[in-house]
Protein backbone atom coordinates (compact mmCIF):
# COMPACT_ATOMS: atom_id res chain seq x y z
CA UNK A 1 -45.85 100.21 69.02
CA UNK A 2 -48.52 97.78 68.06
CA UNK A 3 -46.02 95.68 66.17
CA UNK A 4 -43.79 95.54 69.23
CA UNK A 5 -46.66 94.45 71.44
CA UNK A 6 -47.68 91.76 68.99
CA UNK A 7 -44.09 90.45 68.88
CA UNK A 8 -43.93 90.38 72.67
CA UNK A 9 -47.27 88.60 72.87
CA UNK A 10 -46.16 85.96 70.37
CA UNK A 11 -42.89 85.48 72.23
CA UNK A 12 -44.65 85.07 75.57
CA UNK A 13 -47.20 82.66 74.12
CA UNK A 14 -44.46 80.60 72.49
CA UNK A 15 -42.50 80.53 75.72
CA UNK A 16 -45.53 79.39 77.69
CA UNK A 17 -46.28 76.70 75.15
CA UNK A 18 -42.66 75.54 75.23
CA UNK A 19 -42.72 75.41 79.01
CA UNK A 20 -45.93 73.39 78.91
CA UNK A 21 -44.42 70.96 76.43
CA UNK A 22 -41.30 70.63 78.54
CA UNK A 23 -43.32 70.26 81.72
CA UNK A 24 -45.69 67.69 80.33
CA UNK A 25 -42.91 65.83 78.55
CA UNK A 26 -40.73 65.65 81.67
CA UNK A 27 -42.71 62.95 83.42
CA UNK A 28 -44.47 59.66 82.64
CA UNK A 29 -46.86 57.38 84.53
CA UNK A 30 -46.09 53.66 84.60
CA UNK A 31 -49.36 51.78 85.39
CA UNK A 32 -49.59 49.15 88.15
CA UNK A 33 -48.41 45.70 87.06
CA UNK A 34 -46.02 47.22 84.51
CA UNK A 35 -42.44 48.34 84.24
CA UNK A 36 -41.25 51.23 82.08
CA UNK A 37 -38.45 50.86 79.55
CA UNK A 38 -36.86 54.25 78.88
CA UNK A 39 -35.44 54.82 75.40
CA UNK A 40 -33.33 57.96 74.92
CA UNK A 41 -32.31 58.78 71.37
CA UNK A 42 -32.62 55.13 70.34
CA UNK A 43 -30.84 53.60 73.34
CA UNK A 44 -32.73 51.69 76.06
CA UNK A 45 -31.84 52.14 79.72
CA UNK A 46 -30.49 48.99 81.35
CA UNK A 47 -32.83 49.29 84.34
CA UNK A 48 -36.62 49.36 83.99
CA UNK A 49 -38.66 52.05 85.74
CA UNK A 50 -41.05 51.02 88.54
CA UNK A 51 -44.77 51.75 88.41
CA UNK A 52 -45.86 55.27 89.30
CA UNK A 53 -44.64 58.71 88.16
CA UNK A 54 -41.14 58.82 86.67
CA UNK A 55 -39.13 61.68 85.15
CA UNK A 56 -37.64 61.74 81.66
CA UNK A 57 -35.99 64.06 79.19
CA UNK A 58 -38.69 65.89 77.23
CA UNK A 59 -38.76 65.22 73.49
CA UNK A 60 -35.68 62.99 73.80
CA UNK A 61 -36.83 60.11 76.00
CA UNK A 62 -39.77 57.79 75.40
CA UNK A 63 -40.93 55.32 78.06
CA UNK A 64 -42.66 52.10 76.98
CA UNK A 65 -44.86 50.26 79.46
CA UNK A 66 -44.17 46.50 79.68
CA UNK A 67 -46.59 44.24 81.65
CA UNK A 68 -45.15 41.97 84.34
CA UNK A 69 -48.54 40.62 85.43
CA UNK A 70 -49.95 37.35 84.13
CA UNK A 71 -51.15 37.46 80.54
CA UNK A 72 -53.46 35.06 78.68
CA UNK A 73 -53.29 34.68 74.91
CA UNK A 74 -55.22 32.44 72.55
CA UNK A 75 -53.68 30.67 69.59
CA UNK A 76 -53.92 27.92 66.98
CA UNK A 77 -51.37 25.31 66.04
CA UNK A 78 -52.03 23.56 62.69
CA UNK A 79 -50.37 20.15 63.00
CA UNK A 80 -50.19 16.63 61.60
CA UNK A 81 -50.91 13.31 63.28
CA UNK A 82 -48.70 10.24 63.01
CA UNK A 83 -50.91 8.99 60.15
CA UNK A 84 -50.44 12.35 58.36
CA UNK A 85 -53.92 13.71 59.04
CA UNK A 86 -54.40 17.46 59.46
CA UNK A 87 -55.40 18.60 62.96
CA UNK A 88 -55.73 22.07 64.44
CA UNK A 89 -54.97 22.54 68.15
CA UNK A 90 -56.63 25.54 69.79
CA UNK A 91 -55.00 26.61 73.04
CA UNK A 92 -54.73 29.27 75.75
CA UNK A 93 -51.33 30.07 77.18
CA UNK A 94 -50.79 31.85 80.50
CA UNK A 95 -47.44 33.56 80.95
CA UNK A 96 -45.73 36.48 82.63
CA UNK A 97 -42.56 38.44 82.02
CA UNK A 98 -40.01 38.38 84.89
CA UNK A 99 -39.04 41.87 86.01
CA UNK A 100 -35.35 41.22 85.38
CA UNK A 101 -36.09 40.29 81.73
CA UNK A 102 -38.24 43.33 80.86
CA UNK A 103 -35.53 45.37 79.15
CA UNK A 104 -34.00 42.34 77.42
CA UNK A 105 -37.34 41.22 75.98
CA UNK A 106 -38.23 44.74 74.85
CA UNK A 107 -34.93 45.15 73.03
CA UNK A 108 -34.73 41.67 71.49
CA UNK A 109 -38.41 41.02 70.71
CA UNK A 110 -39.75 44.44 69.69
CA UNK A 111 -41.61 44.95 72.93
CA UNK A 112 -44.03 41.98 72.65
CA UNK A 113 -42.41 38.56 73.10
CA UNK A 114 -45.57 36.57 72.33
CA UNK A 115 -45.60 36.79 68.55
CA UNK A 116 -41.88 36.24 67.99
CA UNK A 117 -40.93 34.05 70.97
CA UNK A 118 -43.80 32.28 72.71
CA UNK A 119 -46.23 31.39 69.93
CA UNK A 120 -43.62 29.85 67.57
CA UNK A 121 -42.29 27.66 70.38
CA UNK A 122 -45.80 26.53 71.34
CA UNK A 123 -46.56 25.53 67.76
CA UNK A 124 -43.25 23.69 67.49
CA UNK A 125 -43.78 21.68 70.68
CA UNK A 126 -47.44 20.92 69.88
CA UNK A 127 -46.52 19.65 66.41
CA UNK A 128 -43.93 17.35 67.94
CA UNK A 129 -46.51 15.87 70.32
CA UNK A 130 -49.39 15.46 67.85
CA UNK A 131 -47.01 13.66 65.48
CA UNK A 132 -46.76 10.88 68.10
CA UNK A 133 -50.48 10.01 67.98
CA UNK A 134 -52.91 8.80 65.36
CA UNK A 135 -55.59 11.31 64.41
CA UNK A 136 -58.48 9.39 66.00
CA UNK A 137 -56.51 9.09 69.27
CA UNK A 138 -55.42 12.73 69.54
CA UNK A 139 -58.79 13.96 70.81
CA UNK A 140 -58.75 11.34 73.57
CA UNK A 141 -55.12 12.16 74.41
CA UNK A 142 -55.71 15.91 74.88
CA UNK A 143 -54.73 15.92 78.57
CA UNK A 144 -51.77 13.66 77.89
CA UNK A 145 -50.57 16.03 75.15
CA UNK A 146 -50.88 19.01 77.51
CA UNK A 147 -48.89 17.25 80.23
CA UNK A 148 -46.12 16.60 77.72
CA UNK A 149 -46.20 20.05 76.08
CA UNK A 150 -46.14 22.23 79.20
CA UNK A 151 -42.78 21.10 80.67
CA UNK A 152 -41.22 21.01 77.20
CA UNK A 153 -42.38 24.56 76.59
CA UNK A 154 -41.14 25.77 79.97
CA UNK A 155 -37.75 24.25 79.20
CA UNK A 156 -37.61 25.76 75.69
CA UNK A 157 -38.42 29.32 76.85
CA UNK A 158 -36.21 30.61 79.66
CA UNK A 159 -36.89 34.34 79.24
CA UNK A 160 -40.61 34.10 80.04
CA UNK A 161 -42.42 32.21 82.80
CA UNK A 162 -44.96 29.87 81.19
CA UNK A 163 -47.58 29.41 83.90
CA UNK A 164 -49.95 27.03 82.11
CA UNK A 165 -51.08 25.82 78.72
CA UNK A 166 -54.71 24.83 78.21
CA UNK A 167 -55.68 22.78 75.16
CA UNK A 168 -59.19 24.06 74.44
CA UNK A 169 -60.02 21.89 71.47
CA UNK A 170 -58.53 19.72 68.77
CA UNK A 171 -60.28 20.19 65.44
CA UNK A 172 -60.23 17.49 62.79
CA UNK A 173 -61.24 17.78 59.16
CA UNK A 174 -64.89 17.06 58.36
CA UNK A 175 -63.94 14.03 56.26
CA UNK A 176 -61.82 12.61 59.08
CA UNK A 177 -64.56 13.14 61.66
CA UNK A 178 -67.04 11.29 59.42
CA UNK A 179 -64.57 8.42 58.90
CA UNK A 180 -63.93 8.11 62.65
CA UNK A 181 -67.67 8.22 63.40
CA UNK A 182 -68.33 5.49 60.82
CA UNK A 183 -65.55 3.36 62.27
CA UNK A 184 -66.92 3.79 65.80
CA UNK A 185 -70.40 2.74 64.65
CA UNK A 186 -68.95 -0.39 63.02
CA UNK A 187 -66.96 -1.16 66.17
CA UNK A 188 -70.10 -0.82 68.31
CA UNK A 189 -72.01 -3.11 65.97
CA UNK A 190 -69.19 -5.67 66.12
CA UNK A 191 -69.17 -5.47 69.92
CA UNK A 192 -72.95 -5.99 69.97
CA UNK A 193 -72.65 -9.07 67.76
CA UNK A 194 -69.84 -10.43 69.92
CA UNK A 195 -71.99 -9.91 73.00
CA UNK A 196 -74.94 -11.71 71.39
CA UNK A 197 -72.68 -14.61 70.39
CA UNK A 198 -71.23 -14.86 73.87
CA UNK A 199 -74.74 -14.74 75.33
CA UNK A 200 -75.92 -17.52 72.99
CA UNK A 201 -72.90 -19.65 73.84
CA UNK A 202 -73.50 -19.12 77.54
CA UNK A 203 -77.18 -20.07 77.22
CA UNK A 204 -76.19 -23.18 75.27
CA UNK A 205 -73.71 -24.13 77.97
CA UNK A 206 -76.38 -23.68 80.64
CA UNK A 207 -78.82 -25.86 78.66
CA UNK A 208 -76.24 -28.61 78.28
CA UNK A 209 -75.42 -28.52 81.97
CA UNK A 210 -79.10 -28.66 82.90
CA UNK A 211 -79.70 -31.58 80.50
CA UNK A 212 -76.73 -33.47 81.92
CA UNK A 213 -77.99 -32.85 85.43
CA UNK A 214 -81.49 -34.06 84.57
CA UNK A 215 -80.08 -37.15 82.83
CA UNK A 216 -77.88 -37.89 85.80
CA UNK A 217 -80.85 -37.49 88.15
CA UNK A 218 -82.93 -39.93 86.05
CA UNK A 219 -80.06 -42.43 86.00
CA UNK A 220 -79.59 -42.27 89.75
CA UNK A 221 -83.32 -42.58 90.33
CA UNK A 222 -83.55 -45.60 88.00
CA UNK A 223 -80.68 -47.36 89.76
CA UNK A 224 -82.30 -46.65 93.11
CA UNK A 225 -85.61 -48.17 91.93
CA UNK A 226 -83.85 -51.29 90.67
CA UNK A 227 -81.88 -51.86 93.80
CA UNK A 228 -84.57 -50.97 96.37
CA UNK A 229 -88.20 -52.11 95.84
CA UNK A 230 -89.10 -50.10 98.93
CA UNK A 231 -88.33 -46.95 96.92
CA UNK A 232 -91.10 -47.95 94.47
CA UNK A 233 -93.54 -48.35 97.33
CA UNK A 234 -92.45 -44.94 98.63
CA UNK A 235 -93.04 -43.31 95.26
CA UNK A 236 -96.49 -44.95 95.05
CA UNK A 237 -97.30 -43.71 98.52
CA UNK A 238 -96.24 -40.18 97.56
CA UNK A 239 -98.57 -40.20 94.56
CA UNK A 240 -101.59 -41.91 96.35
CA UNK A 241 -104.49 -39.49 96.75
CA UNK A 242 -105.95 -41.31 99.75
CA UNK A 243 -108.76 -43.04 97.85
CA UNK A 244 -109.28 -46.82 97.89
CA UNK A 245 -108.74 -48.28 94.37
CA UNK A 246 -111.84 -49.70 92.67
CA UNK A 247 -109.86 -51.98 90.41
CA UNK A 248 -106.81 -54.19 90.82
CA UNK A 249 -104.48 -55.42 88.16
CA UNK A 250 -103.73 -59.14 87.83
CA UNK A 251 -102.08 -61.35 85.26
CA UNK A 252 -103.76 -64.36 83.67
CA UNK A 253 -102.38 -66.27 80.72
CA UNK A 254 -99.74 -63.61 80.15
CA UNK A 255 -102.32 -60.82 79.87
CA UNK A 256 -103.01 -57.97 82.32
CA UNK A 257 -106.62 -57.98 83.59
CA UNK A 258 -108.37 -55.32 85.69
CA UNK A 259 -110.79 -56.79 88.24
CA UNK A 260 -113.26 -54.78 90.26
CA UNK A 261 -112.73 -54.70 93.99
CA UNK A 262 -115.65 -56.13 95.95
CA UNK A 263 -116.90 -53.82 98.69
């Protein structure tokens, strides 16, 4: 009797457990911003499940959640410049998976298209663009590189919507950075010397112009004195301090003599 009861108890417990497994395994929750890809015995359904509670075959069907909201991923793209210098481009890419491509991307790219689809294309396009610029110009051309990479990337990847690509930084080797810094210092020194030379030349030109003007003024004044004795009298009048002279100059025997003025 006891053995029979134990057998019945085990059977009931097993049945309850089986029912719980079947009940729990019969439904799945797809989170907001996702779509569910149902895989039954190794075959994916052609239509993705919407977010919310969805039913499935217990133990036979597995539902994988695929995001359709915007995703941001960081990455690096080791590249070469046109002068064969090593550069490393650090970027952020914003993308989203179109709802109609969810099943296709899950089947063809193992559920995550970034590692096998998006990142390799980004590195390829970035390498093509950095190869067009010299290493010392790449840092300055960061925005230009982005503007060229983004449309090329959007054209290369049709399965995923590439929203934006942000070039965070372009790292150069330490040796290259030191060489560029040294070159910039030399260029600044050369510019300073050029400025000083231009300044000296300009000052020399101003001095020559002033000297020519003064010489011309003296020449004109001399000609005026020769041609107009009244001008001499005018100059004397300008310089007279208002005092009566105490001596006058006269000439006797070819010599100049100063005679006192009688009061």
